[in-house]
N, C-alpha and C. Protein backbone atom coordinates (compact mmCIF):
# COMPACT_ATOMS: atom_id res chain seq x y z
N MET A 1 -13.14 1.81 21.62
CA MET A 1 -11.89 1.71 20.89
C MET A 1 -11.16 3.04 21.08
N ASN A 2 -9.87 2.95 21.41
CA ASN A 2 -9.10 4.17 21.63
C ASN A 2 -8.72 4.84 20.32
N LYS A 3 -8.28 6.10 20.44
CA LYS A 3 -8.00 6.91 19.25
C LYS A 3 -6.94 6.29 18.36
N ASN A 4 -5.84 5.83 18.94
CA ASN A 4 -4.77 5.25 18.13
C ASN A 4 -5.24 4.01 17.36
N LEU A 5 -6.02 3.17 18.01
CA LEU A 5 -6.52 1.97 17.34
C LEU A 5 -7.48 2.35 16.21
N SER A 6 -8.29 3.36 16.42
CA SER A 6 -9.19 3.84 15.36
C SER A 6 -8.39 4.36 14.17
N LEU A 7 -7.34 5.13 14.44
CA LEU A 7 -6.50 5.66 13.37
C LEU A 7 -5.78 4.54 12.62
N LEU A 8 -5.32 3.54 13.36
CA LEU A 8 -4.66 2.40 12.73
C LEU A 8 -5.63 1.61 11.85
N ALA A 9 -6.86 1.44 12.33
CA ALA A 9 -7.86 0.72 11.54
C ALA A 9 -8.19 1.48 10.25
N LEU A 10 -8.37 2.79 10.35
CA LEU A 10 -8.61 3.60 9.15
C LEU A 10 -7.42 3.54 8.20
N SER A 11 -6.24 3.62 8.76
CA SER A 11 -5.03 3.55 7.94
C SER A 11 -4.92 2.20 7.26
N GLN A 12 -5.31 1.15 7.94
CA GLN A 12 -5.28 -0.19 7.35
C GLN A 12 -6.25 -0.26 6.18
N VAL A 13 -7.44 0.31 6.33
CA VAL A 13 -8.42 0.29 5.25
C VAL A 13 -7.85 0.95 4.00
N PHE A 14 -7.24 2.11 4.16
CA PHE A 14 -6.73 2.84 2.99
C PHE A 14 -5.32 2.40 2.58
N GLY A 15 -4.43 2.27 3.53
CA GLY A 15 -3.04 1.98 3.22
C GLY A 15 -2.79 0.58 2.71
N PHE A 16 -3.57 -0.37 3.17
CA PHE A 16 -3.34 -1.76 2.77
C PHE A 16 -3.86 -2.04 1.37
N THR A 17 -4.57 -1.07 0.78
CA THR A 17 -5.03 -1.26 -0.60
C THR A 17 -3.84 -1.39 -1.55
N ALA A 18 -2.68 -0.86 -1.17
CA ALA A 18 -1.49 -1.01 -2.02
C ALA A 18 -1.18 -2.48 -2.25
N ASN A 19 -1.25 -3.25 -1.21
CA ASN A 19 -0.98 -4.68 -1.31
C ASN A 19 -2.05 -5.37 -2.16
N ILE A 20 -3.29 -5.03 -1.92
CA ILE A 20 -4.41 -5.66 -2.60
C ILE A 20 -4.41 -5.32 -4.10
N ILE A 21 -4.32 -4.04 -4.41
CA ILE A 21 -4.39 -3.61 -5.81
C ILE A 21 -3.16 -4.07 -6.58
N THR A 22 -2.01 -4.13 -5.92
CA THR A 22 -0.81 -4.64 -6.58
C THR A 22 -1.02 -6.08 -7.04
N VAL A 23 -1.55 -6.90 -6.18
CA VAL A 23 -1.80 -8.29 -6.54
C VAL A 23 -2.88 -8.38 -7.62
N PHE A 24 -3.89 -7.55 -7.49
CA PHE A 24 -5.03 -7.58 -8.42
C PHE A 24 -4.67 -7.06 -9.81
N LEU A 25 -3.89 -5.98 -9.90
CA LEU A 25 -3.70 -5.31 -11.18
C LEU A 25 -2.31 -5.41 -11.81
N SER A 26 -1.28 -5.54 -11.04
CA SER A 26 0.06 -5.39 -11.61
C SER A 26 0.37 -6.43 -12.70
N GLY A 27 -0.14 -7.62 -12.58
CA GLY A 27 0.07 -8.62 -13.63
C GLY A 27 -0.69 -8.27 -14.91
N ILE A 28 -1.89 -7.75 -14.74
CA ILE A 28 -2.69 -7.33 -15.90
C ILE A 28 -2.00 -6.18 -16.61
N VAL A 29 -1.61 -5.17 -15.83
CA VAL A 29 -0.93 -4.02 -16.42
C VAL A 29 0.41 -4.46 -17.02
N GLY A 30 1.13 -5.29 -16.32
CA GLY A 30 2.41 -5.79 -16.82
C GLY A 30 2.27 -6.46 -18.17
N SER A 31 1.21 -7.26 -18.34
CA SER A 31 1.01 -7.93 -19.62
C SER A 31 0.68 -6.96 -20.74
N GLN A 32 0.13 -5.80 -20.38
CA GLN A 32 -0.22 -4.81 -21.39
C GLN A 32 0.96 -3.94 -21.82
N ILE A 33 1.95 -3.81 -20.95
CA ILE A 33 3.05 -2.88 -21.29
C ILE A 33 4.38 -3.57 -21.57
N THR A 34 4.38 -4.90 -21.59
CA THR A 34 5.60 -5.61 -21.97
C THR A 34 5.33 -6.52 -23.16
N SER A 35 6.32 -6.64 -23.98
CA SER A 35 6.17 -7.55 -25.12
C SER A 35 6.55 -8.98 -24.74
N ILE A 36 7.21 -9.14 -23.60
CA ILE A 36 7.60 -10.48 -23.13
C ILE A 36 6.56 -10.92 -22.09
N LYS A 37 5.57 -11.62 -22.53
CA LYS A 37 4.42 -11.97 -21.67
C LYS A 37 4.81 -12.79 -20.45
N SER A 38 5.90 -13.53 -20.51
CA SER A 38 6.32 -14.32 -19.36
C SER A 38 6.81 -13.44 -18.21
N LEU A 39 7.07 -12.17 -18.48
CA LEU A 39 7.50 -11.24 -17.44
C LEU A 39 6.35 -10.41 -16.87
N SER A 40 5.14 -10.65 -17.32
CA SER A 40 4.03 -9.78 -16.93
C SER A 40 3.76 -9.74 -15.43
N THR A 41 4.07 -10.80 -14.71
CA THR A 41 3.84 -10.80 -13.26
C THR A 41 5.08 -10.39 -12.46
N LEU A 42 6.13 -9.97 -13.15
CA LEU A 42 7.34 -9.53 -12.45
C LEU A 42 7.05 -8.36 -11.50
N PRO A 43 6.22 -7.37 -11.86
CA PRO A 43 5.94 -6.30 -10.90
C PRO A 43 5.32 -6.81 -9.59
N THR A 44 4.44 -7.79 -9.71
CA THR A 44 3.83 -8.39 -8.51
C THR A 44 4.91 -9.04 -7.65
N ALA A 45 5.77 -9.81 -8.28
CA ALA A 45 6.85 -10.47 -7.55
C ALA A 45 7.79 -9.45 -6.91
N LEU A 46 8.08 -8.36 -7.62
CA LEU A 46 8.98 -7.35 -7.08
C LEU A 46 8.36 -6.62 -5.89
N ALA A 47 7.05 -6.45 -5.89
CA ALA A 47 6.38 -5.84 -4.73
C ALA A 47 6.52 -6.75 -3.50
N VAL A 48 6.38 -8.06 -3.72
CA VAL A 48 6.53 -9.01 -2.61
C VAL A 48 7.97 -9.04 -2.13
N VAL A 49 8.92 -9.07 -3.07
CA VAL A 49 10.34 -9.05 -2.71
C VAL A 49 10.69 -7.75 -2.00
N GLY A 50 10.18 -6.64 -2.51
CA GLY A 50 10.42 -5.34 -1.87
C GLY A 50 9.89 -5.30 -0.45
N THR A 51 8.70 -5.87 -0.26
CA THR A 51 8.13 -5.92 1.09
C THR A 51 9.03 -6.73 2.02
N ALA A 52 9.48 -7.86 1.55
CA ALA A 52 10.35 -8.72 2.37
C ALA A 52 11.68 -8.03 2.67
N ILE A 53 12.28 -7.43 1.67
CA ILE A 53 13.57 -6.77 1.86
C ILE A 53 13.44 -5.57 2.80
N PHE A 54 12.39 -4.79 2.59
CA PHE A 54 12.26 -3.52 3.31
C PHE A 54 11.60 -3.63 4.69
N THR A 55 11.13 -4.82 5.06
CA THR A 55 10.49 -4.96 6.37
C THR A 55 11.47 -4.63 7.50
N ILE A 56 12.67 -5.12 7.39
CA ILE A 56 13.69 -4.83 8.42
C ILE A 56 14.03 -3.35 8.41
N LEU A 57 14.16 -2.76 7.22
CA LEU A 57 14.44 -1.34 7.11
C LEU A 57 13.31 -0.50 7.72
N ALA A 58 12.07 -0.89 7.46
CA ALA A 58 10.93 -0.17 8.03
C ALA A 58 10.97 -0.20 9.56
N ALA A 59 11.27 -1.36 10.12
CA ALA A 59 11.36 -1.49 11.58
C ALA A 59 12.49 -0.63 12.13
N LYS A 60 13.62 -0.61 11.43
CA LYS A 60 14.76 0.20 11.89
C LYS A 60 14.45 1.69 11.79
N ILE A 61 13.80 2.09 10.71
CA ILE A 61 13.43 3.51 10.57
C ILE A 61 12.50 3.92 11.70
N MET A 62 11.52 3.08 12.01
CA MET A 62 10.60 3.42 13.09
C MET A 62 11.29 3.38 14.45
N GLY A 63 12.30 2.55 14.59
CA GLY A 63 13.07 2.53 15.82
C GLY A 63 13.82 3.85 16.03
N LYS A 64 14.23 4.47 14.92
CA LYS A 64 14.97 5.74 15.00
C LYS A 64 14.05 6.94 15.12
N ILE A 65 12.99 6.99 14.30
CA ILE A 65 12.16 8.21 14.26
C ILE A 65 10.79 8.05 14.91
N GLY A 66 10.47 6.84 15.33
CA GLY A 66 9.18 6.59 15.97
C GLY A 66 8.15 6.06 14.99
N ARG A 67 7.12 5.45 15.54
CA ARG A 67 6.07 4.86 14.71
C ARG A 67 5.31 5.93 13.92
N ARG A 68 4.94 7.01 14.57
CA ARG A 68 4.14 8.04 13.92
C ARG A 68 4.82 8.56 12.65
N LEU A 69 6.05 9.02 12.78
CA LEU A 69 6.77 9.54 11.61
C LEU A 69 7.11 8.44 10.62
N GLY A 70 7.37 7.25 11.12
CA GLY A 70 7.63 6.11 10.23
C GLY A 70 6.42 5.77 9.38
N PHE A 71 5.26 5.76 9.99
CA PHE A 71 4.04 5.46 9.23
C PHE A 71 3.73 6.57 8.22
N ILE A 72 3.96 7.81 8.60
CA ILE A 72 3.76 8.92 7.67
C ILE A 72 4.73 8.77 6.49
N PHE A 73 5.98 8.47 6.79
CA PHE A 73 6.98 8.27 5.74
C PHE A 73 6.56 7.13 4.80
N GLY A 74 6.13 6.02 5.38
CA GLY A 74 5.70 4.87 4.57
C GLY A 74 4.52 5.22 3.67
N ALA A 75 3.57 5.99 4.17
CA ALA A 75 2.42 6.40 3.37
C ALA A 75 2.86 7.31 2.22
N LEU A 76 3.77 8.21 2.51
CA LEU A 76 4.25 9.13 1.46
C LEU A 76 5.03 8.37 0.38
N VAL A 77 5.84 7.40 0.80
CA VAL A 77 6.57 6.58 -0.17
C VAL A 77 5.58 5.81 -1.05
N SER A 78 4.57 5.21 -0.44
CA SER A 78 3.58 4.45 -1.20
C SER A 78 2.87 5.34 -2.21
N SER A 79 2.44 6.49 -1.78
CA SER A 79 1.73 7.40 -2.66
C SER A 79 2.61 7.86 -3.82
N ALA A 80 3.85 8.22 -3.51
CA ALA A 80 4.77 8.68 -4.55
C ALA A 80 5.07 7.56 -5.56
N THR A 81 5.23 6.34 -5.08
CA THR A 81 5.54 5.25 -6.00
C THR A 81 4.32 4.87 -6.84
N CYS A 82 3.13 5.10 -6.32
CA CYS A 82 1.93 4.89 -7.14
C CYS A 82 1.89 5.92 -8.27
N LEU A 83 2.31 7.14 -7.98
CA LEU A 83 2.39 8.15 -9.04
C LEU A 83 3.47 7.78 -10.06
N LEU A 84 4.55 7.18 -9.59
CA LEU A 84 5.57 6.68 -10.51
C LEU A 84 4.99 5.57 -11.40
N ALA A 85 4.16 4.72 -10.83
CA ALA A 85 3.50 3.67 -11.61
C ALA A 85 2.55 4.28 -12.63
N VAL A 86 1.85 5.35 -12.25
CA VAL A 86 0.98 6.06 -13.20
C VAL A 86 1.78 6.54 -14.39
N PHE A 87 2.92 7.15 -14.11
CA PHE A 87 3.79 7.63 -15.19
C PHE A 87 4.28 6.47 -16.05
N ALA A 88 4.69 5.39 -15.40
CA ALA A 88 5.19 4.22 -16.13
C ALA A 88 4.11 3.63 -17.05
N ILE A 89 2.89 3.54 -16.56
CA ILE A 89 1.81 3.01 -17.38
C ILE A 89 1.53 3.94 -18.56
N SER A 90 1.47 5.23 -18.28
CA SER A 90 1.16 6.18 -19.35
C SER A 90 2.25 6.21 -20.42
N GLN A 91 3.48 5.90 -20.04
CA GLN A 91 4.60 5.87 -20.98
C GLN A 91 4.88 4.47 -21.53
N GLN A 92 4.09 3.49 -21.06
CA GLN A 92 4.28 2.09 -21.47
C GLN A 92 5.70 1.62 -21.15
N ASN A 93 6.20 2.01 -19.99
CA ASN A 93 7.57 1.71 -19.58
C ASN A 93 7.53 0.58 -18.53
N PHE A 94 7.76 -0.62 -18.97
CA PHE A 94 7.68 -1.79 -18.09
C PHE A 94 8.75 -1.77 -17.00
N ILE A 95 9.96 -1.37 -17.35
CA ILE A 95 11.05 -1.34 -16.36
C ILE A 95 10.73 -0.37 -15.23
N LEU A 96 10.24 0.80 -15.58
CA LEU A 96 9.87 1.79 -14.57
C LEU A 96 8.69 1.29 -13.73
N PHE A 97 7.77 0.59 -14.36
CA PHE A 97 6.64 0.01 -13.63
C PHE A 97 7.14 -1.02 -12.62
N CYS A 98 8.12 -1.83 -13.02
CA CYS A 98 8.72 -2.81 -12.11
C CYS A 98 9.42 -2.11 -10.94
N ILE A 99 10.18 -1.07 -11.23
CA ILE A 99 10.88 -0.32 -10.19
C ILE A 99 9.88 0.28 -9.20
N SER A 100 8.79 0.81 -9.73
CA SER A 100 7.78 1.40 -8.84
C SER A 100 7.22 0.35 -7.88
N HIS A 101 7.05 -0.86 -8.35
CA HIS A 101 6.50 -1.89 -7.48
C HIS A 101 7.53 -2.41 -6.47
N LEU A 102 8.78 -2.44 -6.84
CA LEU A 102 9.81 -2.80 -5.88
C LEU A 102 9.84 -1.79 -4.74
N ILE A 103 9.79 -0.51 -5.08
CA ILE A 103 9.80 0.54 -4.05
C ILE A 103 8.48 0.56 -3.28
N LEU A 104 7.38 0.25 -3.97
CA LEU A 104 6.10 0.17 -3.27
C LEU A 104 6.17 -0.86 -2.14
N GLY A 105 7.02 -1.84 -2.29
CA GLY A 105 7.23 -2.82 -1.22
C GLY A 105 7.66 -2.16 0.09
N LEU A 106 8.38 -1.05 0.01
CA LEU A 106 8.76 -0.32 1.23
C LEU A 106 7.51 0.21 1.94
N GLY A 107 6.62 0.83 1.18
CA GLY A 107 5.39 1.32 1.78
C GLY A 107 4.54 0.21 2.36
N ILE A 108 4.48 -0.90 1.65
CA ILE A 108 3.72 -2.05 2.14
C ILE A 108 4.36 -2.61 3.42
N ALA A 109 5.68 -2.58 3.49
CA ALA A 109 6.38 -3.05 4.70
C ALA A 109 5.99 -2.22 5.91
N PHE A 110 5.83 -0.91 5.72
CA PHE A 110 5.37 -0.05 6.82
C PHE A 110 3.93 -0.41 7.20
N ALA A 111 3.08 -0.64 6.21
CA ALA A 111 1.68 -0.97 6.49
C ALA A 111 1.57 -2.29 7.26
N HIS A 112 2.49 -3.21 7.04
CA HIS A 112 2.47 -4.48 7.78
C HIS A 112 2.82 -4.27 9.26
N GLN A 113 3.37 -3.13 9.59
CA GLN A 113 3.74 -2.84 10.98
C GLN A 113 2.55 -2.32 11.79
N TYR A 114 1.43 -2.03 11.14
CA TYR A 114 0.26 -1.49 11.85
C TYR A 114 -0.20 -2.42 12.97
N ARG A 115 -0.14 -3.70 12.74
CA ARG A 115 -0.64 -4.64 13.76
C ARG A 115 0.20 -4.60 15.03
N PHE A 116 1.50 -4.34 14.88
CA PHE A 116 2.35 -4.23 16.07
C PHE A 116 2.02 -2.96 16.84
N ALA A 117 1.76 -1.89 16.12
CA ALA A 117 1.35 -0.64 16.76
C ALA A 117 -0.01 -0.81 17.44
N ALA A 118 -0.90 -1.58 16.81
CA ALA A 118 -2.21 -1.84 17.42
C ALA A 118 -2.05 -2.58 18.74
N ALA A 119 -1.15 -3.56 18.76
CA ALA A 119 -0.91 -4.32 19.98
C ALA A 119 -0.33 -3.43 21.08
N GLU A 120 0.46 -2.44 20.69
CA GLU A 120 1.05 -1.52 21.66
C GLU A 120 0.07 -0.45 22.12
N SER A 121 -1.03 -0.27 21.40
CA SER A 121 -1.97 0.82 21.68
C SER A 121 -3.04 0.45 22.71
N VAL A 122 -3.09 -0.80 23.10
CA VAL A 122 -4.13 -1.24 24.02
C VAL A 122 -3.51 -1.99 25.20
N GLU A 123 -4.35 -2.22 26.22
CA GLU A 123 -3.91 -3.02 27.36
C GLU A 123 -3.67 -4.46 26.90
N LYS A 124 -2.85 -5.17 27.66
CA LYS A 124 -2.42 -6.52 27.27
C LYS A 124 -3.59 -7.46 26.99
N GLU A 125 -4.63 -7.39 27.79
CA GLU A 125 -5.76 -8.31 27.60
C GLU A 125 -6.61 -7.98 26.37
N LYS A 126 -6.43 -6.78 25.80
CA LYS A 126 -7.21 -6.38 24.62
C LYS A 126 -6.42 -6.53 23.31
N VAL A 127 -5.19 -7.04 23.38
CA VAL A 127 -4.35 -7.19 22.18
C VAL A 127 -5.02 -8.06 21.11
N PRO A 128 -5.56 -9.24 21.46
CA PRO A 128 -6.19 -10.05 20.41
C PRO A 128 -7.34 -9.33 19.69
N LYS A 129 -8.14 -8.58 20.44
CA LYS A 129 -9.25 -7.84 19.84
C LYS A 129 -8.70 -6.73 18.93
N ALA A 130 -7.66 -6.06 19.35
CA ALA A 130 -7.08 -4.99 18.54
C ALA A 130 -6.54 -5.53 17.22
N ILE A 131 -5.86 -6.65 17.28
CA ILE A 131 -5.32 -7.26 16.06
C ILE A 131 -6.46 -7.75 15.16
N SER A 132 -7.53 -8.26 15.77
CA SER A 132 -8.70 -8.68 15.00
C SER A 132 -9.34 -7.51 14.28
N ILE A 133 -9.39 -6.37 14.93
CA ILE A 133 -9.94 -5.16 14.30
C ILE A 133 -9.11 -4.78 13.08
N LEU A 134 -7.78 -4.88 13.21
CA LEU A 134 -6.91 -4.58 12.07
C LEU A 134 -7.11 -5.58 10.95
N MET A 135 -7.30 -6.84 11.29
CA MET A 135 -7.54 -7.86 10.26
C MET A 135 -8.87 -7.61 9.55
N LEU A 136 -9.89 -7.21 10.30
CA LEU A 136 -11.18 -6.87 9.70
C LEU A 136 -11.02 -5.66 8.77
N ALA A 137 -10.24 -4.69 9.18
CA ALA A 137 -9.98 -3.52 8.33
C ALA A 137 -9.27 -3.94 7.04
N GLY A 138 -8.42 -4.95 7.12
CA GLY A 138 -7.76 -5.47 5.93
C GLY A 138 -8.74 -6.11 4.96
N ILE A 139 -9.76 -6.76 5.50
CA ILE A 139 -10.80 -7.35 4.65
C ILE A 139 -11.61 -6.25 3.97
N VAL A 140 -11.95 -5.21 4.73
CA VAL A 140 -12.64 -4.06 4.14
C VAL A 140 -11.79 -3.44 3.04
N SER A 141 -10.49 -3.34 3.30
CA SER A 141 -9.55 -2.81 2.31
C SER A 141 -9.58 -3.63 1.02
N SER A 142 -9.68 -4.92 1.15
CA SER A 142 -9.71 -5.79 -0.02
C SER A 142 -10.92 -5.50 -0.90
N PHE A 143 -12.08 -5.45 -0.29
CA PHE A 143 -13.29 -5.19 -1.08
C PHE A 143 -13.30 -3.78 -1.64
N LEU A 144 -12.94 -2.82 -0.83
CA LEU A 144 -12.93 -1.42 -1.26
C LEU A 144 -11.92 -1.19 -2.37
N GLY A 145 -10.71 -1.68 -2.19
CA GLY A 145 -9.65 -1.48 -3.17
C GLY A 145 -9.95 -2.09 -4.52
N ILE A 146 -10.37 -3.33 -4.53
CA ILE A 146 -10.64 -4.02 -5.79
C ILE A 146 -11.84 -3.39 -6.50
N THR A 147 -12.88 -3.10 -5.75
CA THR A 147 -14.08 -2.51 -6.36
C THR A 147 -13.78 -1.15 -6.97
N LEU A 148 -13.13 -0.28 -6.21
CA LEU A 148 -12.85 1.06 -6.72
C LEU A 148 -11.78 1.07 -7.81
N ALA A 149 -10.81 0.16 -7.73
CA ALA A 149 -9.81 0.06 -8.80
C ALA A 149 -10.47 -0.35 -10.11
N ASN A 150 -11.46 -1.22 -10.02
CA ASN A 150 -12.18 -1.64 -11.21
C ASN A 150 -13.03 -0.49 -11.78
N TYR A 151 -13.67 0.29 -10.91
CA TYR A 151 -14.49 1.41 -11.37
C TYR A 151 -13.67 2.54 -11.97
N THR A 152 -12.42 2.70 -11.53
CA THR A 152 -11.60 3.82 -12.00
C THR A 152 -10.62 3.44 -13.10
N LYS A 153 -10.66 2.21 -13.57
CA LYS A 153 -9.67 1.76 -14.56
C LYS A 153 -9.73 2.55 -15.86
N ASN A 154 -10.89 3.06 -16.22
CA ASN A 154 -11.04 3.83 -17.46
C ASN A 154 -11.12 5.34 -17.20
N LEU A 155 -10.71 5.77 -16.05
CA LEU A 155 -10.80 7.18 -15.68
C LEU A 155 -10.01 8.08 -16.62
N VAL A 156 -8.86 7.63 -17.06
CA VAL A 156 -8.01 8.39 -17.97
C VAL A 156 -8.13 7.76 -19.36
N PRO A 157 -8.72 8.48 -20.31
CA PRO A 157 -8.89 7.90 -21.65
C PRO A 157 -7.55 7.48 -22.27
N ASP A 158 -7.59 6.39 -22.98
CA ASP A 158 -6.42 5.83 -23.70
C ASP A 158 -5.33 5.30 -22.78
N HIS A 159 -5.56 5.26 -21.49
CA HIS A 159 -4.56 4.74 -20.55
C HIS A 159 -5.28 3.87 -19.51
N LEU A 160 -5.55 2.65 -19.91
CA LEU A 160 -6.25 1.72 -19.03
C LEU A 160 -5.46 1.50 -17.73
N TYR A 161 -6.13 1.59 -16.62
CA TYR A 161 -5.62 1.37 -15.26
C TYR A 161 -4.80 2.53 -14.69
N VAL A 162 -4.58 3.58 -15.44
CA VAL A 162 -3.93 4.76 -14.85
C VAL A 162 -4.81 5.32 -13.74
N GLY A 163 -6.11 5.36 -13.98
CA GLY A 163 -7.05 5.83 -12.96
C GLY A 163 -7.00 5.00 -11.70
N SER A 164 -6.83 3.70 -11.84
CA SER A 164 -6.74 2.81 -10.68
C SER A 164 -5.52 3.15 -9.83
N TYR A 165 -4.41 3.42 -10.49
CA TYR A 165 -3.19 3.76 -9.75
C TYR A 165 -3.25 5.18 -9.20
N LEU A 166 -3.98 6.08 -9.86
CA LEU A 166 -4.20 7.41 -9.28
C LEU A 166 -5.03 7.30 -8.00
N LEU A 167 -6.06 6.46 -8.05
CA LEU A 167 -6.85 6.20 -6.85
C LEU A 167 -5.97 5.61 -5.75
N LEU A 168 -5.12 4.68 -6.12
CA LEU A 168 -4.22 4.07 -5.15
C LEU A 168 -3.28 5.10 -4.53
N ALA A 169 -2.83 6.06 -5.32
CA ALA A 169 -1.97 7.13 -4.79
C ALA A 169 -2.72 7.93 -3.73
N VAL A 170 -4.00 8.20 -3.98
CA VAL A 170 -4.81 8.94 -3.00
C VAL A 170 -5.04 8.08 -1.76
N PHE A 171 -5.42 6.82 -1.97
CA PHE A 171 -5.68 5.93 -0.84
C PHE A 171 -4.44 5.76 0.05
N THR A 172 -3.29 5.56 -0.57
CA THR A 172 -2.09 5.33 0.25
C THR A 172 -1.58 6.61 0.90
N PHE A 173 -2.05 7.76 0.41
CA PHE A 173 -1.69 9.03 1.05
C PHE A 173 -2.52 9.27 2.32
N MET A 174 -3.73 8.75 2.36
CA MET A 174 -4.64 8.99 3.48
C MET A 174 -4.04 8.66 4.85
N PRO A 175 -3.32 7.54 5.02
CA PRO A 175 -2.73 7.29 6.34
C PRO A 175 -1.77 8.39 6.80
N ALA A 176 -1.11 9.06 5.87
CA ALA A 176 -0.22 10.16 6.28
C ALA A 176 -1.02 11.24 7.00
N ILE A 177 -2.23 11.47 6.55
CA ILE A 177 -3.11 12.44 7.22
C ILE A 177 -3.57 11.89 8.56
N PHE A 178 -4.01 10.63 8.58
CA PHE A 178 -4.50 10.04 9.84
C PHE A 178 -3.40 10.03 10.91
N PHE A 179 -2.16 9.73 10.51
CA PHE A 179 -1.10 9.60 11.51
C PHE A 179 -0.62 10.93 12.06
N ILE A 180 -1.07 12.02 11.51
CA ILE A 180 -0.78 13.32 12.12
C ILE A 180 -1.39 13.37 13.52
N PHE A 181 -2.51 12.67 13.70
CA PHE A 181 -3.23 12.66 14.97
C PHE A 181 -2.89 11.48 15.86
N TYR A 182 -1.94 10.67 15.45
CA TYR A 182 -1.52 9.47 16.18
C TYR A 182 -0.56 9.84 17.30
N ASN A 183 -0.72 9.21 18.47
CA ASN A 183 0.21 9.45 19.59
C ASN A 183 1.12 8.26 19.76
């Protein structure tokens, strides 16, 4: 496996946890910080809408500044918006929590571009294997993200799930480090 594909696979393991943990936790957290229970899954929906809206923007940004800097930017956005979610949870601010998830969609949109970079990183006959490796990394991300989010949910006393989002901020920052070495 070439260096770029290895970096993309590692980035998928850590960066794609934003998508997984958002689906796993945002509805639970939403129900805890809003008095209107029918809106509790709005953060989840906004993350999906944000991903859809920002996918074109992510592609255009990478077209201008390149994949490497685009992926670093996407990782930094994801990490920063996870910290915004931490603040929103600690302040019991549902609107801010929703905004954080809409913006998190931008970071997730960049993470969805990893498979295209994987296809570009290998010879034409190895493209299916490269994409399969990224899909396998996504499965690892699912197990790792959910397990560790559950273990860290009580990390900050009196603020359930703040620890999970702090972990997510660290995880989504990791690809920014990996992509420093990406060509």
